[in-house]
Protein backbone atom coordinates (compact mmCIF):
# COMPACT_ATOMS: atom_id res chain seq x y z
CA MET A 1 -40.41 89.38 35.32
CA THR A 2 -43.23 89.37 37.65
CA THR A 3 -45.04 92.65 37.91
CA PRO A 4 -45.58 93.97 41.34
CA ASP A 5 -49.61 93.62 41.12
CA ALA A 6 -49.07 89.88 40.36
CA ARG A 7 -47.16 88.96 43.45
CA SER A 8 -48.73 87.53 46.16
CA GLY A 9 -48.96 88.86 49.94
CA THR A 10 -45.17 87.20 50.11
CA GLY A 11 -43.91 88.42 47.32
CA ARG A 12 -44.14 85.37 45.18
CA PRO A 13 -45.95 84.77 41.77
CA ALA A 14 -49.32 85.11 42.37
CA GLU A 15 -51.80 82.35 41.18
CA LEU A 16 -54.95 83.62 42.83
CA PHE A 17 -56.78 87.39 41.97
CA PHE A 18 -59.51 89.12 42.67
CA GLU A 19 -61.93 87.28 40.61
CA ASP A 20 -61.18 84.13 42.09
CA LEU A 21 -62.20 85.04 45.56
CA VAL A 22 -66.07 85.06 44.81
CA PRO A 23 -69.07 85.15 47.41
CA GLY A 24 -69.56 81.83 49.43
CA LEU A 25 -65.85 80.61 48.57
CA THR A 26 -64.45 79.31 52.05
CA VAL A 27 -60.67 78.81 52.21
CA ASP A 28 -59.71 76.27 55.21
CA LEU A 29 -56.26 78.07 56.80
CA GLY A 30 -55.11 74.98 58.86
CA VAL A 31 -55.15 74.08 62.62
CA VAL A 32 -52.57 76.25 64.84
CA THR A 33 -51.72 75.36 68.28
CA VAL A 34 -51.14 77.65 70.99
CA ASP A 35 -47.44 77.49 72.59
CA ALA A 36 -47.55 78.47 76.27
CA ASP A 37 -44.61 80.12 76.25
CA GLU A 38 -44.88 82.34 73.23
CA MET A 39 -48.65 83.05 74.56
CA VAL A 40 -46.91 84.47 77.68
CA ALA A 41 -44.42 86.24 76.23
CA PHE A 42 -46.56 87.91 73.89
CA ALA A 43 -48.41 89.26 76.80
CA ARG A 44 -45.46 90.60 78.79
CA ARG A 45 -44.33 92.39 75.71
CA PHE A 46 -47.70 93.97 74.62
CA ASP A 47 -50.63 92.90 77.18
CA PRO A 48 -49.16 92.56 80.48
CA GLN A 49 -52.58 92.33 82.45
CA TRP A 50 -52.40 89.94 85.07
CA TYR A 51 -54.75 87.01 83.94
CA HIS A 52 -52.32 86.91 80.69
CA VAL A 53 -49.09 86.90 83.07
CA ASP A 54 -49.45 85.86 86.68
CA PRO A 55 -50.51 82.19 86.75
CA GLU A 56 -51.08 82.45 90.48
CA LEU A 57 -53.61 85.10 90.44
CA ALA A 58 -55.11 83.99 87.17
CA ALA A 59 -55.72 80.44 88.74
CA ALA A 60 -57.65 81.91 91.76
CA SER A 61 -59.60 83.94 89.62
CA ARG A 62 -62.83 83.27 87.85
CA HIS A 63 -60.46 82.06 84.52
CA GLY A 64 -58.73 79.17 86.68
CA GLY A 65 -55.53 79.73 84.92
CA LEU A 66 -53.75 82.00 82.07
CA ILE A 67 -55.59 83.04 79.13
CA ALA A 68 -54.13 84.26 75.80
CA SER A 69 -54.39 88.21 75.09
CA GLY A 70 -57.46 88.76 72.64
CA PHE A 71 -54.59 90.28 70.47
CA TYR A 72 -52.43 87.21 70.53
CA THR A 73 -55.06 85.51 69.79
CA VAL A 74 -56.07 87.40 66.61
CA SER A 75 -52.13 87.45 65.68
CA LEU A 76 -52.54 83.54 65.16
CA PHE A 77 -55.43 84.20 62.97
CA MET A 78 -53.19 86.39 60.61
CA ARG A 79 -50.13 84.36 59.99
CA ALA A 80 -53.01 81.46 59.36
CA TYR A 81 -54.43 83.67 57.14
CA VAL A 82 -51.03 84.94 55.20
CA ASP A 83 -49.55 81.60 55.14
CA HIS A 84 -52.78 79.60 53.73
CA LEU A 85 -54.12 82.43 51.56
CA LEU A 86 -52.14 85.94 50.97
CA SER A 87 -49.08 83.30 50.25
CA ARG A 88 -51.19 82.47 47.05
CA ALA A 89 -53.21 85.74 46.43
CA ALA A 90 -52.51 89.19 44.52
CA ALA A 91 -53.26 90.85 47.80
CA ASP A 92 -52.37 94.45 48.71
CA ALA A 93 -52.86 96.42 51.28
CA SER A 94 -56.28 95.95 53.63
CA PRO A 95 -58.60 99.40 53.99
CA GLY A 96 -60.02 97.99 57.69
CA LEU A 97 -61.92 95.73 59.74
CA GLU A 98 -65.68 96.05 60.89
CA GLU A 99 -65.88 93.66 63.55
CA LEU A 100 -63.31 91.79 66.03
CA ARG A 101 -64.53 89.32 68.87
CA TRP A 102 -63.18 87.32 71.38
CA LEU A 103 -65.68 84.57 71.92
CA ALA A 104 -64.24 82.24 74.11
CA PRO A 105 -61.02 82.51 76.40
CA VAL A 106 -58.43 80.45 74.65
CA ARG A 107 -55.65 78.82 76.64
CA ALA A 108 -52.08 76.93 75.94
CA GLY A 109 -52.36 73.95 74.40
CA ASP A 110 -55.84 74.48 72.48
CA ARG A 111 -56.09 73.56 69.26
CA LEU A 112 -57.79 76.34 66.91
CA ALA A 113 -59.32 75.39 63.69
CA VAL A 114 -58.91 78.77 61.21
CA ARG A 115 -61.03 79.88 58.42
CA VAL A 116 -61.90 82.41 56.24
CA ASP A 117 -65.11 83.36 54.48
CA VAL A 118 -65.94 85.45 51.44
CA MET A 119 -69.04 87.47 52.04
CA GLY A 120 -68.98 89.71 49.21
CA ALA A 121 -66.39 91.14 46.50
CA ARG A 122 -66.82 94.52 43.93
CA PRO A 123 -63.99 96.61 41.67
CA SER A 124 -62.62 99.40 44.33
CA THR A 125 -63.43 102.81 43.52
CA ALA A 126 -60.77 104.10 45.38
CA ARG A 127 -58.24 101.92 43.64
CA PRO A 128 -58.53 101.08 40.04
CA GLY A 129 -56.86 97.70 39.36
CA LEU A 130 -57.76 96.49 42.73
CA GLY A 131 -60.90 94.72 44.00
CA THR A 132 -62.61 95.12 47.68
CA VAL A 133 -63.18 91.93 49.19
CA SER A 134 -65.29 91.51 52.52
CA LEU A 135 -64.05 88.67 54.76
CA THR A 136 -65.39 86.86 57.94
CA GLY A 137 -62.41 84.99 59.78
CA THR A 138 -63.34 82.50 62.45
CA MET A 139 -61.42 79.99 65.08
CA LEU A 140 -62.91 76.98 66.83
CA ARG A 141 -61.70 75.30 69.44
CA LEU A 142 -61.24 71.49 68.45
CA GLY A 143 -61.70 68.66 70.75
CA PRO A 144 -59.68 65.45 71.54
CA ASP A 145 -61.48 63.93 68.36
CA ASP A 146 -60.90 66.78 66.32
CA ARG A 147 -64.70 68.12 66.11
CA PRO A 148 -65.02 71.87 66.60
CA GLU A 149 -66.11 73.00 70.15
CA GLN A 150 -66.28 76.37 70.24
CA GLU A 151 -65.79 79.27 68.81
CA VAL A 152 -63.48 81.26 70.21
CA LEU A 153 -62.70 83.92 67.39
CA ARG A 154 -64.56 85.90 65.00
CA THR A 155 -63.53 88.95 62.80
CA ARG A 156 -65.20 90.66 59.94
CA PHE A 157 -62.87 92.90 57.34
CA ARG A 158 -62.21 93.72 53.97
CA GLY A 159 -58.87 93.24 51.94
CA TRP A 160 -57.59 94.82 48.49
CA PHE A 161 -56.70 91.83 45.67
CA ALA A 162 -55.27 92.77 42.70
CA VAL A 163 -57.59 92.30 39.10
CA ARG A 164 -55.79 89.27 36.84
CA PRO A 165 -53.55 90.64 34.46
CA VAL A 166 -54.68 90.72 30.60
CA GLU A 167 -52.43 88.93 28.55
CA ALA A 168 -51.96 90.16 24.85
CA ASP A 169 -52.79 87.89 22.25
CA PRO A 170 -49.84 86.36 20.68
CA ALA A 171 -51.68 86.87 17.14
CA GLU A 172 -52.65 90.25 17.70
CA ALA A 173 -48.67 90.92 19.05
CA GLU A 174 -47.16 89.30 15.70
CA ALA A 175 -49.90 91.23 13.33
CA ALA A 176 -48.91 94.29 15.31
CA ASP A 177 -44.91 93.64 14.63
CA SER A 178 -45.87 92.98 11.20
CA THR A 179 -47.52 96.43 10.37
CA PRO A 180 -45.38 98.66 8.75
CA THR A 181 -44.56 101.63 10.48
CA ASP A 182 -43.64 105.11 8.79
CA ALA A 183 -40.14 104.06 9.37
CA ASP A 184 -40.26 101.24 6.96
CA ARG A 185 -41.78 103.52 4.35
CA PRO A 186 -39.51 105.69 1.84
CA GLY A 187 -39.75 109.36 2.76
CA PRO A 188 -38.25 112.62 1.17
CA ASP A 189 -35.01 111.49 3.11
CA ARG A 190 -34.85 108.38 2.79
CA PRO A 191 -32.51 106.54 -0.08
CA GLY A 192 -34.99 105.69 -3.44
CA ALA A 193 -37.51 107.89 -2.20
CA ASP A 194 -38.76 109.89 -5.50
CA ARG A 195 -35.19 109.91 -6.63
CA PRO A 196 -34.04 109.11 -10.46
CA GLY A 197 -32.47 105.56 -10.65
CA PRO A 198 -31.58 102.81 -12.93
CA ASP A 199 -35.19 101.86 -13.15
CA ARG A 200 -36.64 105.19 -12.90
CA PRO A 201 -36.20 107.80 -15.55
CA ASP A 202 -36.31 111.36 -14.55
CA ASP A 203 -39.36 113.34 -16.10
CA GLY A 204 -38.70 116.19 -13.97
CA PRO A 205 -41.65 117.91 -11.88
CA ILE A 206 -45.35 116.90 -12.21
CA ALA A 207 -47.38 119.75 -13.67
CA ALA A 208 -50.71 120.92 -11.60
CA ASP A 209 -53.95 120.15 -13.75
CA PRO A 210 -55.67 123.51 -13.99
CA SER A 211 -58.68 121.54 -13.84
CA THR A 212 -58.57 120.73 -10.57
CA ALA A 213 -57.71 123.81 -8.99
CA GLY A 214 -59.88 124.54 -6.21
CA ALA A 215 -60.38 120.94 -5.66
CA ALA A 216 -60.55 119.46 -2.42
CA ASP A 217 -57.45 117.57 -2.44
CA GLY A 218 -55.70 120.45 -3.98
CA ASP A 219 -57.19 123.39 -2.03
CA PRO A 220 -54.22 124.25 0.10
CA THR A 221 -57.21 125.56 3.27
CA ALA A 222 -58.61 122.16 2.78
CA SER A 223 -55.48 120.22 2.64
CA SER A 224 -55.53 117.08 4.82
CA GLY A 225 -53.49 117.75 8.86
CA SER A 226 -53.40 121.56 8.20
CA ALA A 227 -57.32 122.64 8.85
CA GLU A 228 -57.91 123.76 12.56
CA ALA A 229 -60.26 121.55 14.67
CA PRO A 230 -63.28 123.57 15.47
CA PRO A 231 -63.11 124.87 18.76
CA HIS A 232 -65.52 122.66 21.72
CA ASP A 233 -66.20 123.42 25.30
């Protein structure tokens, strides 16, 4: 069974962990195409400013037509981030972002190349078992030849990712299973423990040797496990 810490951001078994997200790593998050109906529907629901929802006013303005809400654009980034990275990585929550910039207008039909770069990584001081990864995400508008024309979005943020689970050594586990426990050893209440039998004559009680009186092994005050530990601060 996959533990929660070993699941990806979409709930599937994870294949990437904190240790894999090293500074300098770039992850291609694919290319997204801006859908006109979705762009306007998002703006009408969440950001109904005229240059996002009114085609006539937007066409008569310096914008020359409708432009996407910046929050719609960053939502496209987030979906690409989930589809191409968090779906594979042992992702936890995010402690937040440091920067979000909309660098150029985004319009219906634009094709945006998305990527994320790992800028830093360190074990989390607030969440044991997790590491904090610093990331920069970018979206670039592609031209007809699929070459980047202009950067339209940049964001810097942090994410928490689980460290890789430590698997038990099979040899050590087998050795632990074969080590006798107290339950495997004869005792006063178990059959065969210090009881006479066909091969064990009843010799009666063993008399104490007076010459050993006061020795460490015979002195009740020095008996193992009975003395109190010295006090400490």
